[in-house]
C-alpha atoms as a PDB file:
ATOM      1  CA  UNK A   1       0.014  -0.208   0.144  1.00  0.00           C
ATOM      2  CA  UNK A   2       0.778   3.648   0.885  1.00  0.00           C
ATOM      3  CA  UNK A   3       2.309   3.836  -3.345  1.00  0.00           C
ATOM      4  CA  UNK A   4       4.811   0.976  -3.173  1.00  0.00           C
ATOM      5  CA  UNK A   5       4.799  -0.746  -6.124  1.00  0.00           C
ATOM      6  CA  UNK A   6       6.117  -4.605  -4.318  1.00  0.00           C
ATOM      7  CA  UNK A   7       7.190  -5.318  -1.323  1.00  0.00           C
ATOM      8  CA  UNK A   8       8.061  -8.914   0.002  1.00  0.00           C
ATOM      9  CA  UNK A   9       7.569 -11.223   3.364  1.00  0.00           C
ATOM     10  CA  UNK A  10      11.035 -11.542   3.293  1.00  0.00           C
ATOM     11  CA  UNK A  11      14.214 -10.793   2.711  1.00  0.00           C
ATOM     12  CA  UNK A  12      14.489 -11.259  -1.268  1.00  0.00           C
ATOM     13  CA  UNK A  13      17.700 -13.313  -3.116  1.00  0.00           C
ATOM     14  CA  UNK A  14      19.764 -10.292  -3.847  1.00  0.00           C
ATOM     15  CA  UNK A  15      22.843 -12.119  -3.965  1.00  0.00           C
ATOM     16  CA  UNK A  16      20.771 -13.941  -7.017  1.00  0.00           C
ATOM     17  CA  UNK A  17      18.886 -11.143  -8.402  1.00  0.00           C
ATOM     18  CA  UNK A  18      22.586  -9.876  -8.787  1.00  0.00           C
ATOM     19  CA  UNK A  19      23.820 -12.698 -10.253  1.00  0.00           C
ATOM     20  CA  UNK A  20      20.614 -12.936 -12.741  1.00  0.00           C
ATOM     21  CA  UNK A  21      21.547  -9.064 -13.309  1.00  0.00           C
ATOM     22  CA  UNK A  22      25.390 -10.123 -14.256  1.00  0.00           C
ATOM     23  CA  UNK A  23      24.718 -13.131 -16.533  1.00  0.00           C
ATOM     24  CA  UNK A  24      21.992 -11.353 -17.949  1.00  0.00           C
ATOM     25  CA  UNK A  25      24.465  -8.396 -18.788  1.00  0.00           C
ATOM     26  CA  UNK A  26      27.283 -10.927 -19.888  1.00  0.00           C
ATOM     27  CA  UNK A  27      24.444 -12.248 -22.711  1.00  0.00           C
ATOM     28  CA  UNK A  28      22.594  -9.116 -24.603  1.00  0.00           C
ATOM     29  CA  UNK A  29      25.896  -7.013 -24.134  1.00  0.00           C
ATOM     30  CA  UNK A  30      28.997  -8.851 -24.540  1.00  0.00           C
ATOM     31  CA  UNK A  31      27.999 -11.724 -26.534  1.00  0.00           C
ATOM     32  CA  UNK A  32      24.801 -11.451 -28.049  1.00  0.00           C
ATOM     33  CA  UNK A  33      21.220 -13.540 -27.589  1.00  0.00           C
ATOM     34  CA  UNK A  34      21.364 -15.100 -31.002  1.00  0.00           C
ATOM     35  CA  UNK A  35      25.386 -16.046 -30.251  1.00  0.00           C
ATOM     36  CA  UNK A  36      24.370 -17.587 -26.897  1.00  0.00           C
ATOM     37  CA  UNK A  37      21.542 -19.915 -28.410  1.00  0.00           C
ATOM     38  CA  UNK A  38      24.377 -21.068 -30.891  1.00  0.00           C
ATOM     39  CA  UNK A  39      27.137 -21.583 -28.384  1.00  0.00           C
ATOM     40  CA  UNK A  40      24.339 -24.260 -26.642  1.00  0.00           C
ATOM     41  CA  UNK A  41      23.382 -25.587 -29.917  1.00  0.00           C
ATOM     42  CA  UNK A  42      26.630 -26.200 -30.528  1.00  0.00           C
ATOM     43  CA  UNK A  43      27.117 -27.817 -27.387  1.00  0.00           C
ATOM     44  CA  UNK A  44      24.172 -29.871 -27.454  1.00  0.00           C
ATOM     45  CA  UNK A  45      25.115 -31.192 -30.576  1.00  0.00           C
ATOM     46  CA  UNK A  46      28.752 -32.514 -28.597  1.00  0.00           C
ATOM     47  CA  UNK A  47      26.962 -34.346 -26.317  1.00  0.00           C
ATOM     48  CA  UNK A  48      24.720 -36.015 -28.613  1.00  0.00           C
ATOM     49  CA  UNK A  49      27.253 -37.066 -31.168  1.00  0.00           C
ATOM     50  CA  UNK A  50      29.460 -37.958 -28.101  1.00  0.00           C
ATOM     51  CA  UNK A  51      26.533 -40.048 -26.321  1.00  0.00           C
ATOM     52  CA  UNK A  52      25.749 -41.691 -29.832  1.00  0.00           C
ATOM     53  CA  UNK A  53      29.362 -42.955 -29.969  1.00  0.00           C
ATOM     54  CA  UNK A  54      29.425 -44.215 -26.575  1.00  0.00           C
ATOM     55  CA  UNK A  55      26.174 -46.138 -27.450  1.00  0.00           C
ATOM     56  CA  UNK A  56      27.938 -48.037 -30.124  1.00  0.00           C
ATOM     57  CA  UNK A  57      27.104 -51.371 -28.287  1.00  0.00           C
ATOM     58  CA  UNK A  58      26.964 -50.051 -25.573  1.00  0.00           C
ATOM     59  CA  UNK A  59      23.517 -49.598 -22.829  1.00  0.00           C
ATOM     60  CA  UNK A  60      23.718 -45.607 -23.153  1.00  0.00           C
ATOM     61  CA  UNK A  61      21.602 -43.096 -25.207  1.00  0.00           C
ATOM     62  CA  UNK A  62      19.585 -40.233 -25.268  1.00  0.00           C
ATOM     63  CA  UNK A  63      16.623 -40.191 -24.156  1.00  0.00           C
ATOM     64  CA  UNK A  64      14.682 -38.589 -26.832  1.00  0.00           C
ATOM     65  CA  UNK A  65      15.723 -40.885 -29.688  1.00  0.00           C
ATOM     66  CA  UNK A  66      15.368 -38.173 -32.645  1.00  0.00           C
ATOM     67  CA  UNK A  67      18.107 -35.106 -32.715  1.00  0.00           C
ATOM     68  CA  UNK A  68      15.233 -32.422 -33.980  1.00  0.00           C
ATOM     69  CA  UNK A  69      13.094 -32.802 -30.798  1.00  0.00           C
ATOM     70  CA  UNK A  70      16.371 -32.747 -28.040  1.00  0.00           C
ATOM     71  CA  UNK A  71      16.812 -29.871 -25.940  1.00  0.00           C
ATOM     72  CA  UNK A  72      19.452 -27.497 -26.908  1.00  0.00           C
ATOM     73  CA  UNK A  73      19.683 -26.916 -23.025  1.00  0.00           C
ATOM     74  CA  UNK A  74      19.915 -30.079 -21.270  1.00  0.00           C
ATOM     75  CA  UNK A  75      20.306 -33.496 -22.277  1.00  0.00           C
ATOM     76  CA  UNK A  76      19.152 -36.743 -20.490  1.00  0.00           C
ATOM     77  CA  UNK A  77      21.346 -39.804 -21.270  1.00  0.00           C
ATOM     78  CA  UNK A  78      19.524 -43.191 -20.656  1.00  0.00           C
ATOM     79  CA  UNK A  79      22.126 -46.245 -19.153  1.00  0.00           C
ATOM     80  CA  UNK A  80      20.376 -49.153 -18.621  1.00  0.00           C
ATOM     81  CA  UNK A  81      21.567 -51.747 -16.566  1.00  0.00           C
ATOM     82  CA  UNK A  82      23.974 -49.394 -15.512  1.00  0.00           C
ATOM     83  CA  UNK A  83      24.545 -48.045 -11.400  1.00  0.00           C
ATOM     84  CA  UNK A  84      24.229 -44.537 -12.343  1.00  0.00           C
ATOM     85  CA  UNK A  85      24.516 -43.480  -8.925  1.00  0.00           C
ATOM     86  CA  UNK A  86      27.605 -44.921  -8.527  1.00  0.00           C
ATOM     87  CA  UNK A  87      29.090 -42.671 -11.529  1.00  0.00           C
ATOM     88  CA  UNK A  88      28.013 -39.814 -10.481  1.00  0.00           C
ATOM     89  CA  UNK A  89      29.313 -40.780  -7.221  1.00  0.00           C
ATOM     90  CA  UNK A  90      32.643 -41.116  -9.233  1.00  0.00           C
ATOM     91  CA  UNK A  91      32.546 -38.077 -10.666  1.00  0.00           C
ATOM     92  CA  UNK A  92      31.743 -36.132  -8.089  1.00  0.00           C
ATOM     93  CA  UNK A  93      34.286 -37.264  -5.950  1.00  0.00           C
ATOM     94  CA  UNK A  94      37.445 -38.187  -8.684  1.00  0.00           C
ATOM     95  CA  UNK A  95      36.902 -35.629 -11.682  1.00  0.00           C
ATOM     96  CA  UNK A  96      35.126 -32.512  -9.607  1.00  0.00           C
ATOM     97  CA  UNK A  97      32.208 -33.238 -11.908  1.00  0.00           C
ATOM     98  CA  UNK A  98      28.900 -32.815 -11.052  1.00  0.00           C
ATOM     99  CA  UNK A  99      26.660 -34.745 -12.968  1.00  0.00           C
ATOM    100  CA  UNK A 100      22.807 -34.129 -12.416  1.00  0.00           C
ATOM    101  CA  UNK A 101      20.806 -37.491 -11.986  1.00  0.00           C
ATOM    102  CA  UNK A 102      17.024 -37.556 -13.974  1.00  0.00           C
ATOM    103  CA  UNK A 103      15.941 -34.803 -11.457  1.00  0.00           C
ATOM    104  CA  UNK A 104      12.493 -36.767 -11.025  1.00  0.00           C
ATOM    105  CA  UNK A 105      13.194 -39.550  -8.778  1.00  0.00           C
ATOM    106  CA  UNK A 106      12.112 -38.298  -5.921  1.00  0.00           C
ATOM    107  CA  UNK A 107       7.815 -37.469  -7.876  1.00  0.00           C
ATOM    108  CA  UNK A 108       8.186 -41.061  -8.293  1.00  0.00           C
ATOM    109  CA  UNK A 109       6.065 -43.064  -6.048  1.00  0.00           C
ATOM    110  CA  UNK A 110       7.536 -46.455  -5.290  1.00  0.00           C
ATOM    111  CA  UNK A 111       6.255 -49.251  -7.831  1.00  0.00           C
ATOM    112  CA  UNK A 112       5.216 -46.510 -10.191  1.00  0.00           C
ATOM    113  CA  UNK A 113       8.643 -46.275 -11.591  1.00  0.00           C
ATOM    114  CA  UNK A 114       7.617 -47.158 -15.059  1.00  0.00           C
ATOM    115  CA  UNK A 115       5.277 -44.209 -15.296  1.00  0.00           C
ATOM    116  CA  UNK A 116       6.783 -43.176 -18.628  1.00  0.00           C
ATOM    117  CA  UNK A 117       7.573 -46.004 -20.772  1.00  0.00           C
ATOM    118  CA  UNK A 118      11.634 -46.602 -21.105  1.00  0.00           C
ATOM    119  CA  UNK A 119      11.827 -43.837 -18.177  1.00  0.00           C
ATOM    120  CA  UNK A 120      12.682 -44.947 -14.381  1.00  0.00           C
ATOM    121  CA  UNK A 121      14.649 -41.911 -13.586  1.00  0.00           C
ATOM    122  CA  UNK A 122      17.254 -43.847 -11.784  1.00  0.00           C
ATOM    123  CA  UNK A 123      19.165 -44.920 -14.800  1.00  0.00           C
ATOM    124  CA  UNK A 124      19.705 -41.975 -15.911  1.00  0.00           C
ATOM    125  CA  UNK A 125      21.723 -38.530 -16.027  1.00  0.00           C
ATOM    126  CA  UNK A 126      21.528 -34.824 -17.269  1.00  0.00           C
ATOM    127  CA  UNK A 127      24.615 -33.399 -18.984  1.00  0.00           C
ATOM    128  CA  UNK A 128      23.976 -29.515 -19.449  1.00  0.00           C
ATOM    129  CA  UNK A 129      24.735 -26.996 -22.405  1.00  0.00           C
ATOM    130  CA  UNK A 130      24.405 -23.786 -21.154  1.00  0.00           C
ATOM    131  CA  UNK A 131      27.926 -22.891 -19.714  1.00  0.00           C
ATOM    132  CA  UNK A 132      30.941 -21.394 -21.754  1.00  0.00           C
ATOM    133  CA  UNK A 133      34.002 -23.294 -22.845  1.00  0.00           C
ATOM    134  CA  UNK A 134      37.559 -21.860 -23.272  1.00  0.00           C
ATOM    135  CA  UNK A 135      38.720 -22.133 -26.973  1.00  0.00           C
END
């Protein structure tokens, strides 16, 4: 009220807002939006090519089989018959690499793992494509 356009019942996450402002400044002023999208697409295609190569004769594949339907933001990778949690732990401990899980495991009720054909969430991980790379 009283001319205040917006109030918050708590302390706003100013560090997140400042980080967002800095990231947008880099994207919009230094790199350009189109170049940023092109970089994400290039990273995505590199991940897809790597997964396709790893999957030749192995139980690893992109969850979305058709490249034209995949996201340039992140790829969900399936590894049937592999202990993905162990792989993720090894990556974190030995390579200092965070390999996120499928992200939905906490939503899947026990006994309902087949809510989506071929996906349980326990045999998958994600690779994001929205970072920066050194040339």
